[in-house]
Structures are given as structure tokens and as C-alpha cells.
N, C-alpha and C. Protein backbone atom coordinates (compact mmCIF):
# COMPACT_ATOMS: atom_id res chain seq x y z
N UNK A 1 -33.18 42.92 44.89
CA UNK A 1 -33.81 44.20 45.05
C UNK A 1 -34.49 44.28 46.41
N UNK A 2 -34.53 45.50 46.93
CA UNK A 2 -35.12 45.72 48.25
C UNK A 2 -36.63 45.78 48.19
N UNK A 3 -37.20 46.33 47.13
CA UNK A 3 -38.66 46.48 47.03
C UNK A 3 -39.13 45.60 45.89
N UNK A 4 -40.09 44.77 46.20
CA UNK A 4 -40.66 43.91 45.17
C UNK A 4 -41.70 44.69 44.39
N UNK A 5 -42.02 44.22 43.23
CA UNK A 5 -42.97 44.89 42.36
C UNK A 5 -44.34 45.01 43.00
N UNK A 6 -44.81 44.01 43.70
CA UNK A 6 -46.12 44.03 44.36
C UNK A 6 -46.13 45.07 45.47
N UNK A 7 -45.07 45.11 46.26
CA UNK A 7 -44.97 46.09 47.34
C UNK A 7 -44.95 47.51 46.79
N UNK A 8 -44.30 47.70 45.67
CA UNK A 8 -44.24 49.01 45.03
C UNK A 8 -45.62 49.46 44.57
N UNK A 9 -46.41 48.54 44.04
CA UNK A 9 -47.77 48.88 43.60
C UNK A 9 -48.63 49.31 44.79
N UNK A 10 -48.50 48.65 45.93
CA UNK A 10 -49.26 49.00 47.14
C UNK A 10 -48.79 50.36 47.66
N UNK A 11 -47.49 50.58 47.65
CA UNK A 11 -46.94 51.84 48.16
C UNK A 11 -47.40 53.01 47.30
N UNK A 12 -47.41 52.85 45.99
CA UNK A 12 -47.86 53.94 45.11
C UNK A 12 -49.34 54.23 45.32
N UNK A 13 -50.13 53.19 45.50
CA UNK A 13 -51.56 53.37 45.72
C UNK A 13 -51.81 54.14 47.02
N UNK A 14 -51.06 53.81 48.06
CA UNK A 14 -51.22 54.50 49.34
C UNK A 14 -50.80 55.96 49.26
N UNK A 15 -49.75 56.26 48.51
CA UNK A 15 -49.32 57.64 48.40
C UNK A 15 -50.36 58.49 47.68
N UNK A 16 -51.03 57.91 46.69
CA UNK A 16 -52.10 58.65 46.00
C UNK A 16 -53.25 58.92 46.98
N UNK A 17 -53.62 57.89 47.76
CA UNK A 17 -54.68 58.07 48.75
C UNK A 17 -54.28 59.11 49.80
N UNK A 18 -53.07 59.05 50.27
CA UNK A 18 -52.61 60.01 51.27
C UNK A 18 -52.54 61.42 50.69
N UNK A 19 -52.20 61.52 49.41
CA UNK A 19 -52.19 62.84 48.77
C UNK A 19 -53.58 63.44 48.72
N UNK A 20 -54.58 62.62 48.42
CA UNK A 20 -55.96 63.11 48.41
C UNK A 20 -56.41 63.55 49.80
N UNK A 21 -56.07 62.74 50.79
CA UNK A 21 -56.44 63.07 52.17
C UNK A 21 -55.75 64.35 52.61
N UNK A 22 -54.49 64.51 52.27
CA UNK A 22 -53.75 65.71 52.63
C UNK A 22 -54.36 66.95 51.97
N UNK A 23 -54.76 66.84 50.72
CA UNK A 23 -55.38 67.96 50.01
C UNK A 23 -56.71 68.33 50.67
N UNK A 24 -57.51 67.32 51.01
CA UNK A 24 -58.77 67.59 51.67
C UNK A 24 -58.54 68.25 53.03
N UNK A 25 -57.55 67.79 53.74
CA UNK A 25 -57.22 68.37 55.04
C UNK A 25 -56.77 69.82 54.91
N UNK A 26 -55.96 70.11 53.91
CA UNK A 26 -55.49 71.48 53.69
C UNK A 26 -56.63 72.41 53.28
N UNK A 27 -57.58 71.91 52.50
CA UNK A 27 -58.68 72.74 52.01
C UNK A 27 -59.83 72.84 53.01
N UNK A 28 -59.80 72.04 54.05
CA UNK A 28 -60.89 72.01 55.03
C UNK A 28 -61.08 73.38 55.70
N UNK A 29 -60.01 74.03 56.06
CA UNK A 29 -60.10 75.36 56.69
C UNK A 29 -60.72 76.39 55.77
N UNK A 30 -60.35 76.34 54.50
CA UNK A 30 -60.92 77.29 53.54
C UNK A 30 -62.40 77.04 53.33
N UNK A 31 -62.79 75.77 53.32
CA UNK A 31 -64.21 75.42 53.15
C UNK A 31 -65.01 75.93 54.34
N UNK A 32 -64.48 75.76 55.53
CA UNK A 32 -65.16 76.23 56.73
C UNK A 32 -65.29 77.75 56.71
N UNK A 33 -64.22 78.44 56.34
CA UNK A 33 -64.26 79.90 56.28
C UNK A 33 -65.28 80.39 55.26
N UNK A 34 -65.36 79.72 54.12
CA UNK A 34 -66.33 80.10 53.10
C UNK A 34 -67.74 79.88 53.61
N UNK A 35 -67.96 78.80 54.33
CA UNK A 35 -69.28 78.51 54.89
C UNK A 35 -69.66 79.56 55.93
N UNK A 36 -68.73 79.93 56.78
CA UNK A 36 -68.98 80.95 57.80
C UNK A 36 -69.28 82.29 57.13
N UNK A 37 -68.55 82.64 56.09
CA UNK A 37 -68.79 83.89 55.38
C UNK A 37 -70.18 83.91 54.75
N UNK A 38 -70.60 82.79 54.19
CA UNK A 38 -71.92 82.71 53.59
C UNK A 38 -73.01 82.86 54.64
N UNK A 39 -72.84 82.23 55.79
CA UNK A 39 -73.81 82.37 56.87
C UNK A 39 -73.87 83.82 57.36
N UNK A 40 -72.74 84.47 57.45
CA UNK A 40 -72.68 85.87 57.90
C UNK A 40 -73.42 86.77 56.91
N UNK A 41 -73.25 86.52 55.61
CA UNK A 41 -73.96 87.31 54.60
C UNK A 41 -75.46 87.14 54.74
N UNK A 42 -75.91 85.90 54.98
CA UNK A 42 -77.34 85.65 55.14
C UNK A 42 -77.88 86.36 56.38
N UNK A 43 -77.12 86.29 57.48
CA UNK A 43 -77.55 86.97 58.71
C UNK A 43 -77.60 88.48 58.52
N UNK A 44 -76.60 89.04 57.84
CA UNK A 44 -76.59 90.47 57.57
C UNK A 44 -77.78 90.89 56.72
N UNK A 45 -78.11 90.09 55.72
CA UNK A 45 -79.25 90.38 54.86
C UNK A 45 -80.55 90.35 55.66
N UNK A 46 -80.69 89.37 56.55
CA UNK A 46 -81.89 89.28 57.38
C UNK A 46 -81.99 90.49 58.30
N UNK A 47 -80.87 90.88 58.91
CA UNK A 47 -80.87 92.05 59.78
C UNK A 47 -81.18 93.32 59.00
N UNK A 48 -80.63 93.44 57.79
CA UNK A 48 -80.87 94.61 56.95
C UNK A 48 -82.35 94.72 56.61
N UNK A 49 -82.97 93.60 56.24
CA UNK A 49 -84.39 93.61 55.92
C UNK A 49 -85.22 93.97 57.14
N UNK A 50 -84.82 93.45 58.30
CA UNK A 50 -85.53 93.73 59.53
C UNK A 50 -85.47 95.21 59.88
N UNK A 51 -84.30 95.81 59.71
CA UNK A 51 -84.13 97.24 59.98
C UNK A 51 -84.97 98.06 59.00
N UNK A 52 -84.99 97.67 57.74
CA UNK A 52 -85.79 98.40 56.75
C UNK A 52 -87.26 98.34 57.09
N UNK A 53 -87.74 97.20 57.55
CA UNK A 53 -89.14 97.06 57.94
C UNK A 53 -89.44 97.95 59.13
N UNK A 54 -88.55 97.97 60.12
CA UNK A 54 -88.75 98.79 61.31
C UNK A 54 -88.77 100.27 60.92
N UNK A 55 -87.84 100.68 60.04
CA UNK A 55 -87.79 102.08 59.62
C UNK A 55 -89.05 102.47 58.86
N UNK A 56 -89.55 101.59 58.00
CA UNK A 56 -90.76 101.91 57.26
C UNK A 56 -91.96 101.98 58.20
N UNK A 57 -92.00 101.14 59.23
CA UNK A 57 -93.08 101.21 60.22
C UNK A 57 -92.99 102.51 61.00
N UNK A 58 -91.77 102.93 61.35
CA UNK A 58 -91.61 104.19 62.07
C UNK A 58 -92.07 105.36 61.21
N UNK A 59 -91.75 105.33 59.92
CA UNK A 59 -92.18 106.40 59.02
C UNK A 59 -93.70 106.44 58.94
N UNK A 60 -94.33 105.27 58.87
CA UNK A 60 -95.78 105.22 58.82
C UNK A 60 -96.38 105.75 60.12
N UNK A 61 -95.78 105.39 61.24
CA UNK A 61 -96.27 105.86 62.54
C UNK A 61 -96.10 107.36 62.69
N UNK A 62 -94.96 107.89 62.27
CA UNK A 62 -94.74 109.33 62.41
C UNK A 62 -95.65 110.10 61.46
N UNK A 63 -95.87 109.58 60.27
CA UNK A 63 -96.75 110.29 59.35
C UNK A 63 -98.19 110.23 59.84
N UNK A 64 -98.61 109.14 60.45
CA UNK A 64 -99.97 109.04 60.95
C UNK A 64 -100.15 109.90 62.19
N UNK A 65 -99.13 110.00 63.04
CA UNK A 65 -99.24 110.85 64.23
C UNK A 65 -99.19 112.32 63.84
N UNK A 66 -98.46 112.66 62.80
CA UNK A 66 -98.41 114.04 62.36
C UNK A 66 -99.76 114.46 61.78
N UNK A 67 -100.45 113.59 61.14
CA UNK A 67 -101.75 113.96 60.59
C UNK A 67 -102.80 114.02 61.69
N UNK A 68 -102.65 113.28 62.76
CA UNK A 68 -103.62 113.29 63.85
C UNK A 68 -103.44 114.51 64.75
N UNK A 69 -102.23 115.00 64.92
CA UNK A 69 -101.97 116.06 65.87
C UNK A 69 -102.72 117.35 65.56
N UNK A 70 -102.82 117.83 64.34
CA UNK A 70 -103.55 119.08 64.12
C UNK A 70 -105.04 118.97 64.47
N UNK A 71 -105.62 117.80 64.42
CA UNK A 71 -107.04 117.64 64.69
C UNK A 71 -107.34 117.48 66.18
N UNK A 72 -106.35 117.07 66.94
CA UNK A 72 -106.57 116.89 68.37
C UNK A 72 -106.46 118.23 69.08
N UNK A 73 -107.25 118.41 70.10
CA UNK A 73 -107.22 119.66 70.84
C UNK A 73 -106.27 119.52 72.02
N UNK A 74 -105.43 120.51 72.19
CA UNK A 74 -104.48 120.50 73.28
C UNK A 74 -105.24 120.81 74.57
N UNK A 75 -104.90 120.14 75.68
CA UNK A 75 -105.68 120.32 76.91
C UNK A 75 -105.51 121.69 77.58
N UNK A 76 -104.42 122.42 77.31
CA UNK A 76 -104.20 123.69 77.97
C UNK A 76 -104.20 124.89 77.02
N UNK A 77 -103.78 124.68 75.82
CA UNK A 77 -103.69 125.80 74.88
C UNK A 77 -105.09 126.25 74.48
N UNK A 78 -105.29 127.54 74.52
CA UNK A 78 -106.57 128.09 74.10
C UNK A 78 -107.60 128.11 75.21
N UNK A 79 -107.30 127.53 76.35
CA UNK A 79 -108.22 127.57 77.49
C UNK A 79 -107.86 128.77 78.36
N UNK A 80 -108.87 129.37 78.97
CA UNK A 80 -108.63 130.53 79.83
C UNK A 80 -108.57 130.07 81.27
N UNK A 81 -107.49 130.39 81.94
CA UNK A 81 -107.35 130.08 83.35
C UNK A 81 -107.33 131.38 84.14
N UNK A 82 -108.15 131.48 85.14
CA UNK A 82 -108.17 132.67 86.00
C UNK A 82 -107.22 132.45 87.13
N UNK A 83 -106.10 133.17 87.09
CA UNK A 83 -105.08 132.99 88.11
C UNK A 83 -105.28 133.96 89.29
N UNK A 84 -106.22 134.87 89.16
CA UNK A 84 -106.47 135.80 90.28
C UNK A 84 -107.23 135.05 91.34
N UNK A 85 -106.77 135.17 92.50
CA UNK A 85 -107.23 134.39 93.57
C UNK A 85 -108.38 134.70 94.34
């Protein structure tokens, strides 16, 4: 026989190991893509929260400025200017 029983046992063991390595290698790209997608979701959520905070601050600022404006006196309106020379 060309292949002895001991050599066959070693060869079968190596093929199982190589099969596992090949599977891991094939799935590596998918794992990386999933990780990138998860990071992107986290970044989007952080940006969304940041935008919501900024918008709520703008609403508070506009509402506070709108309430202040009627009480402030305009520098020119209601004043009499004599334009006759």
C-alpha cells in the first residue's frame, strides 16, 4: 500500500484543522463587516442624540429670546427725530 495507517491518521487530522482554518478565513470578512456596521450604528446614534440636544437648546434659546423681545425697548421705534434742519 502507498499510504500507511499512521500517515493516514495524520493526514485526516490535518485536513480537519485546515477545514477549520479555511472556515475561519472565509467568515473573517463577514465578521469585520458586522463589526463595522455595529460601530456605524453607535456613531449614528451618538450623532442623532447630539443633534437632538442642539435642537432642544435652540428651541429654548428662541423661546427665551421671544419672551425677552416684547419687554426690550427698540432704540429707534417710538422716538421722535427732528429732521428739519
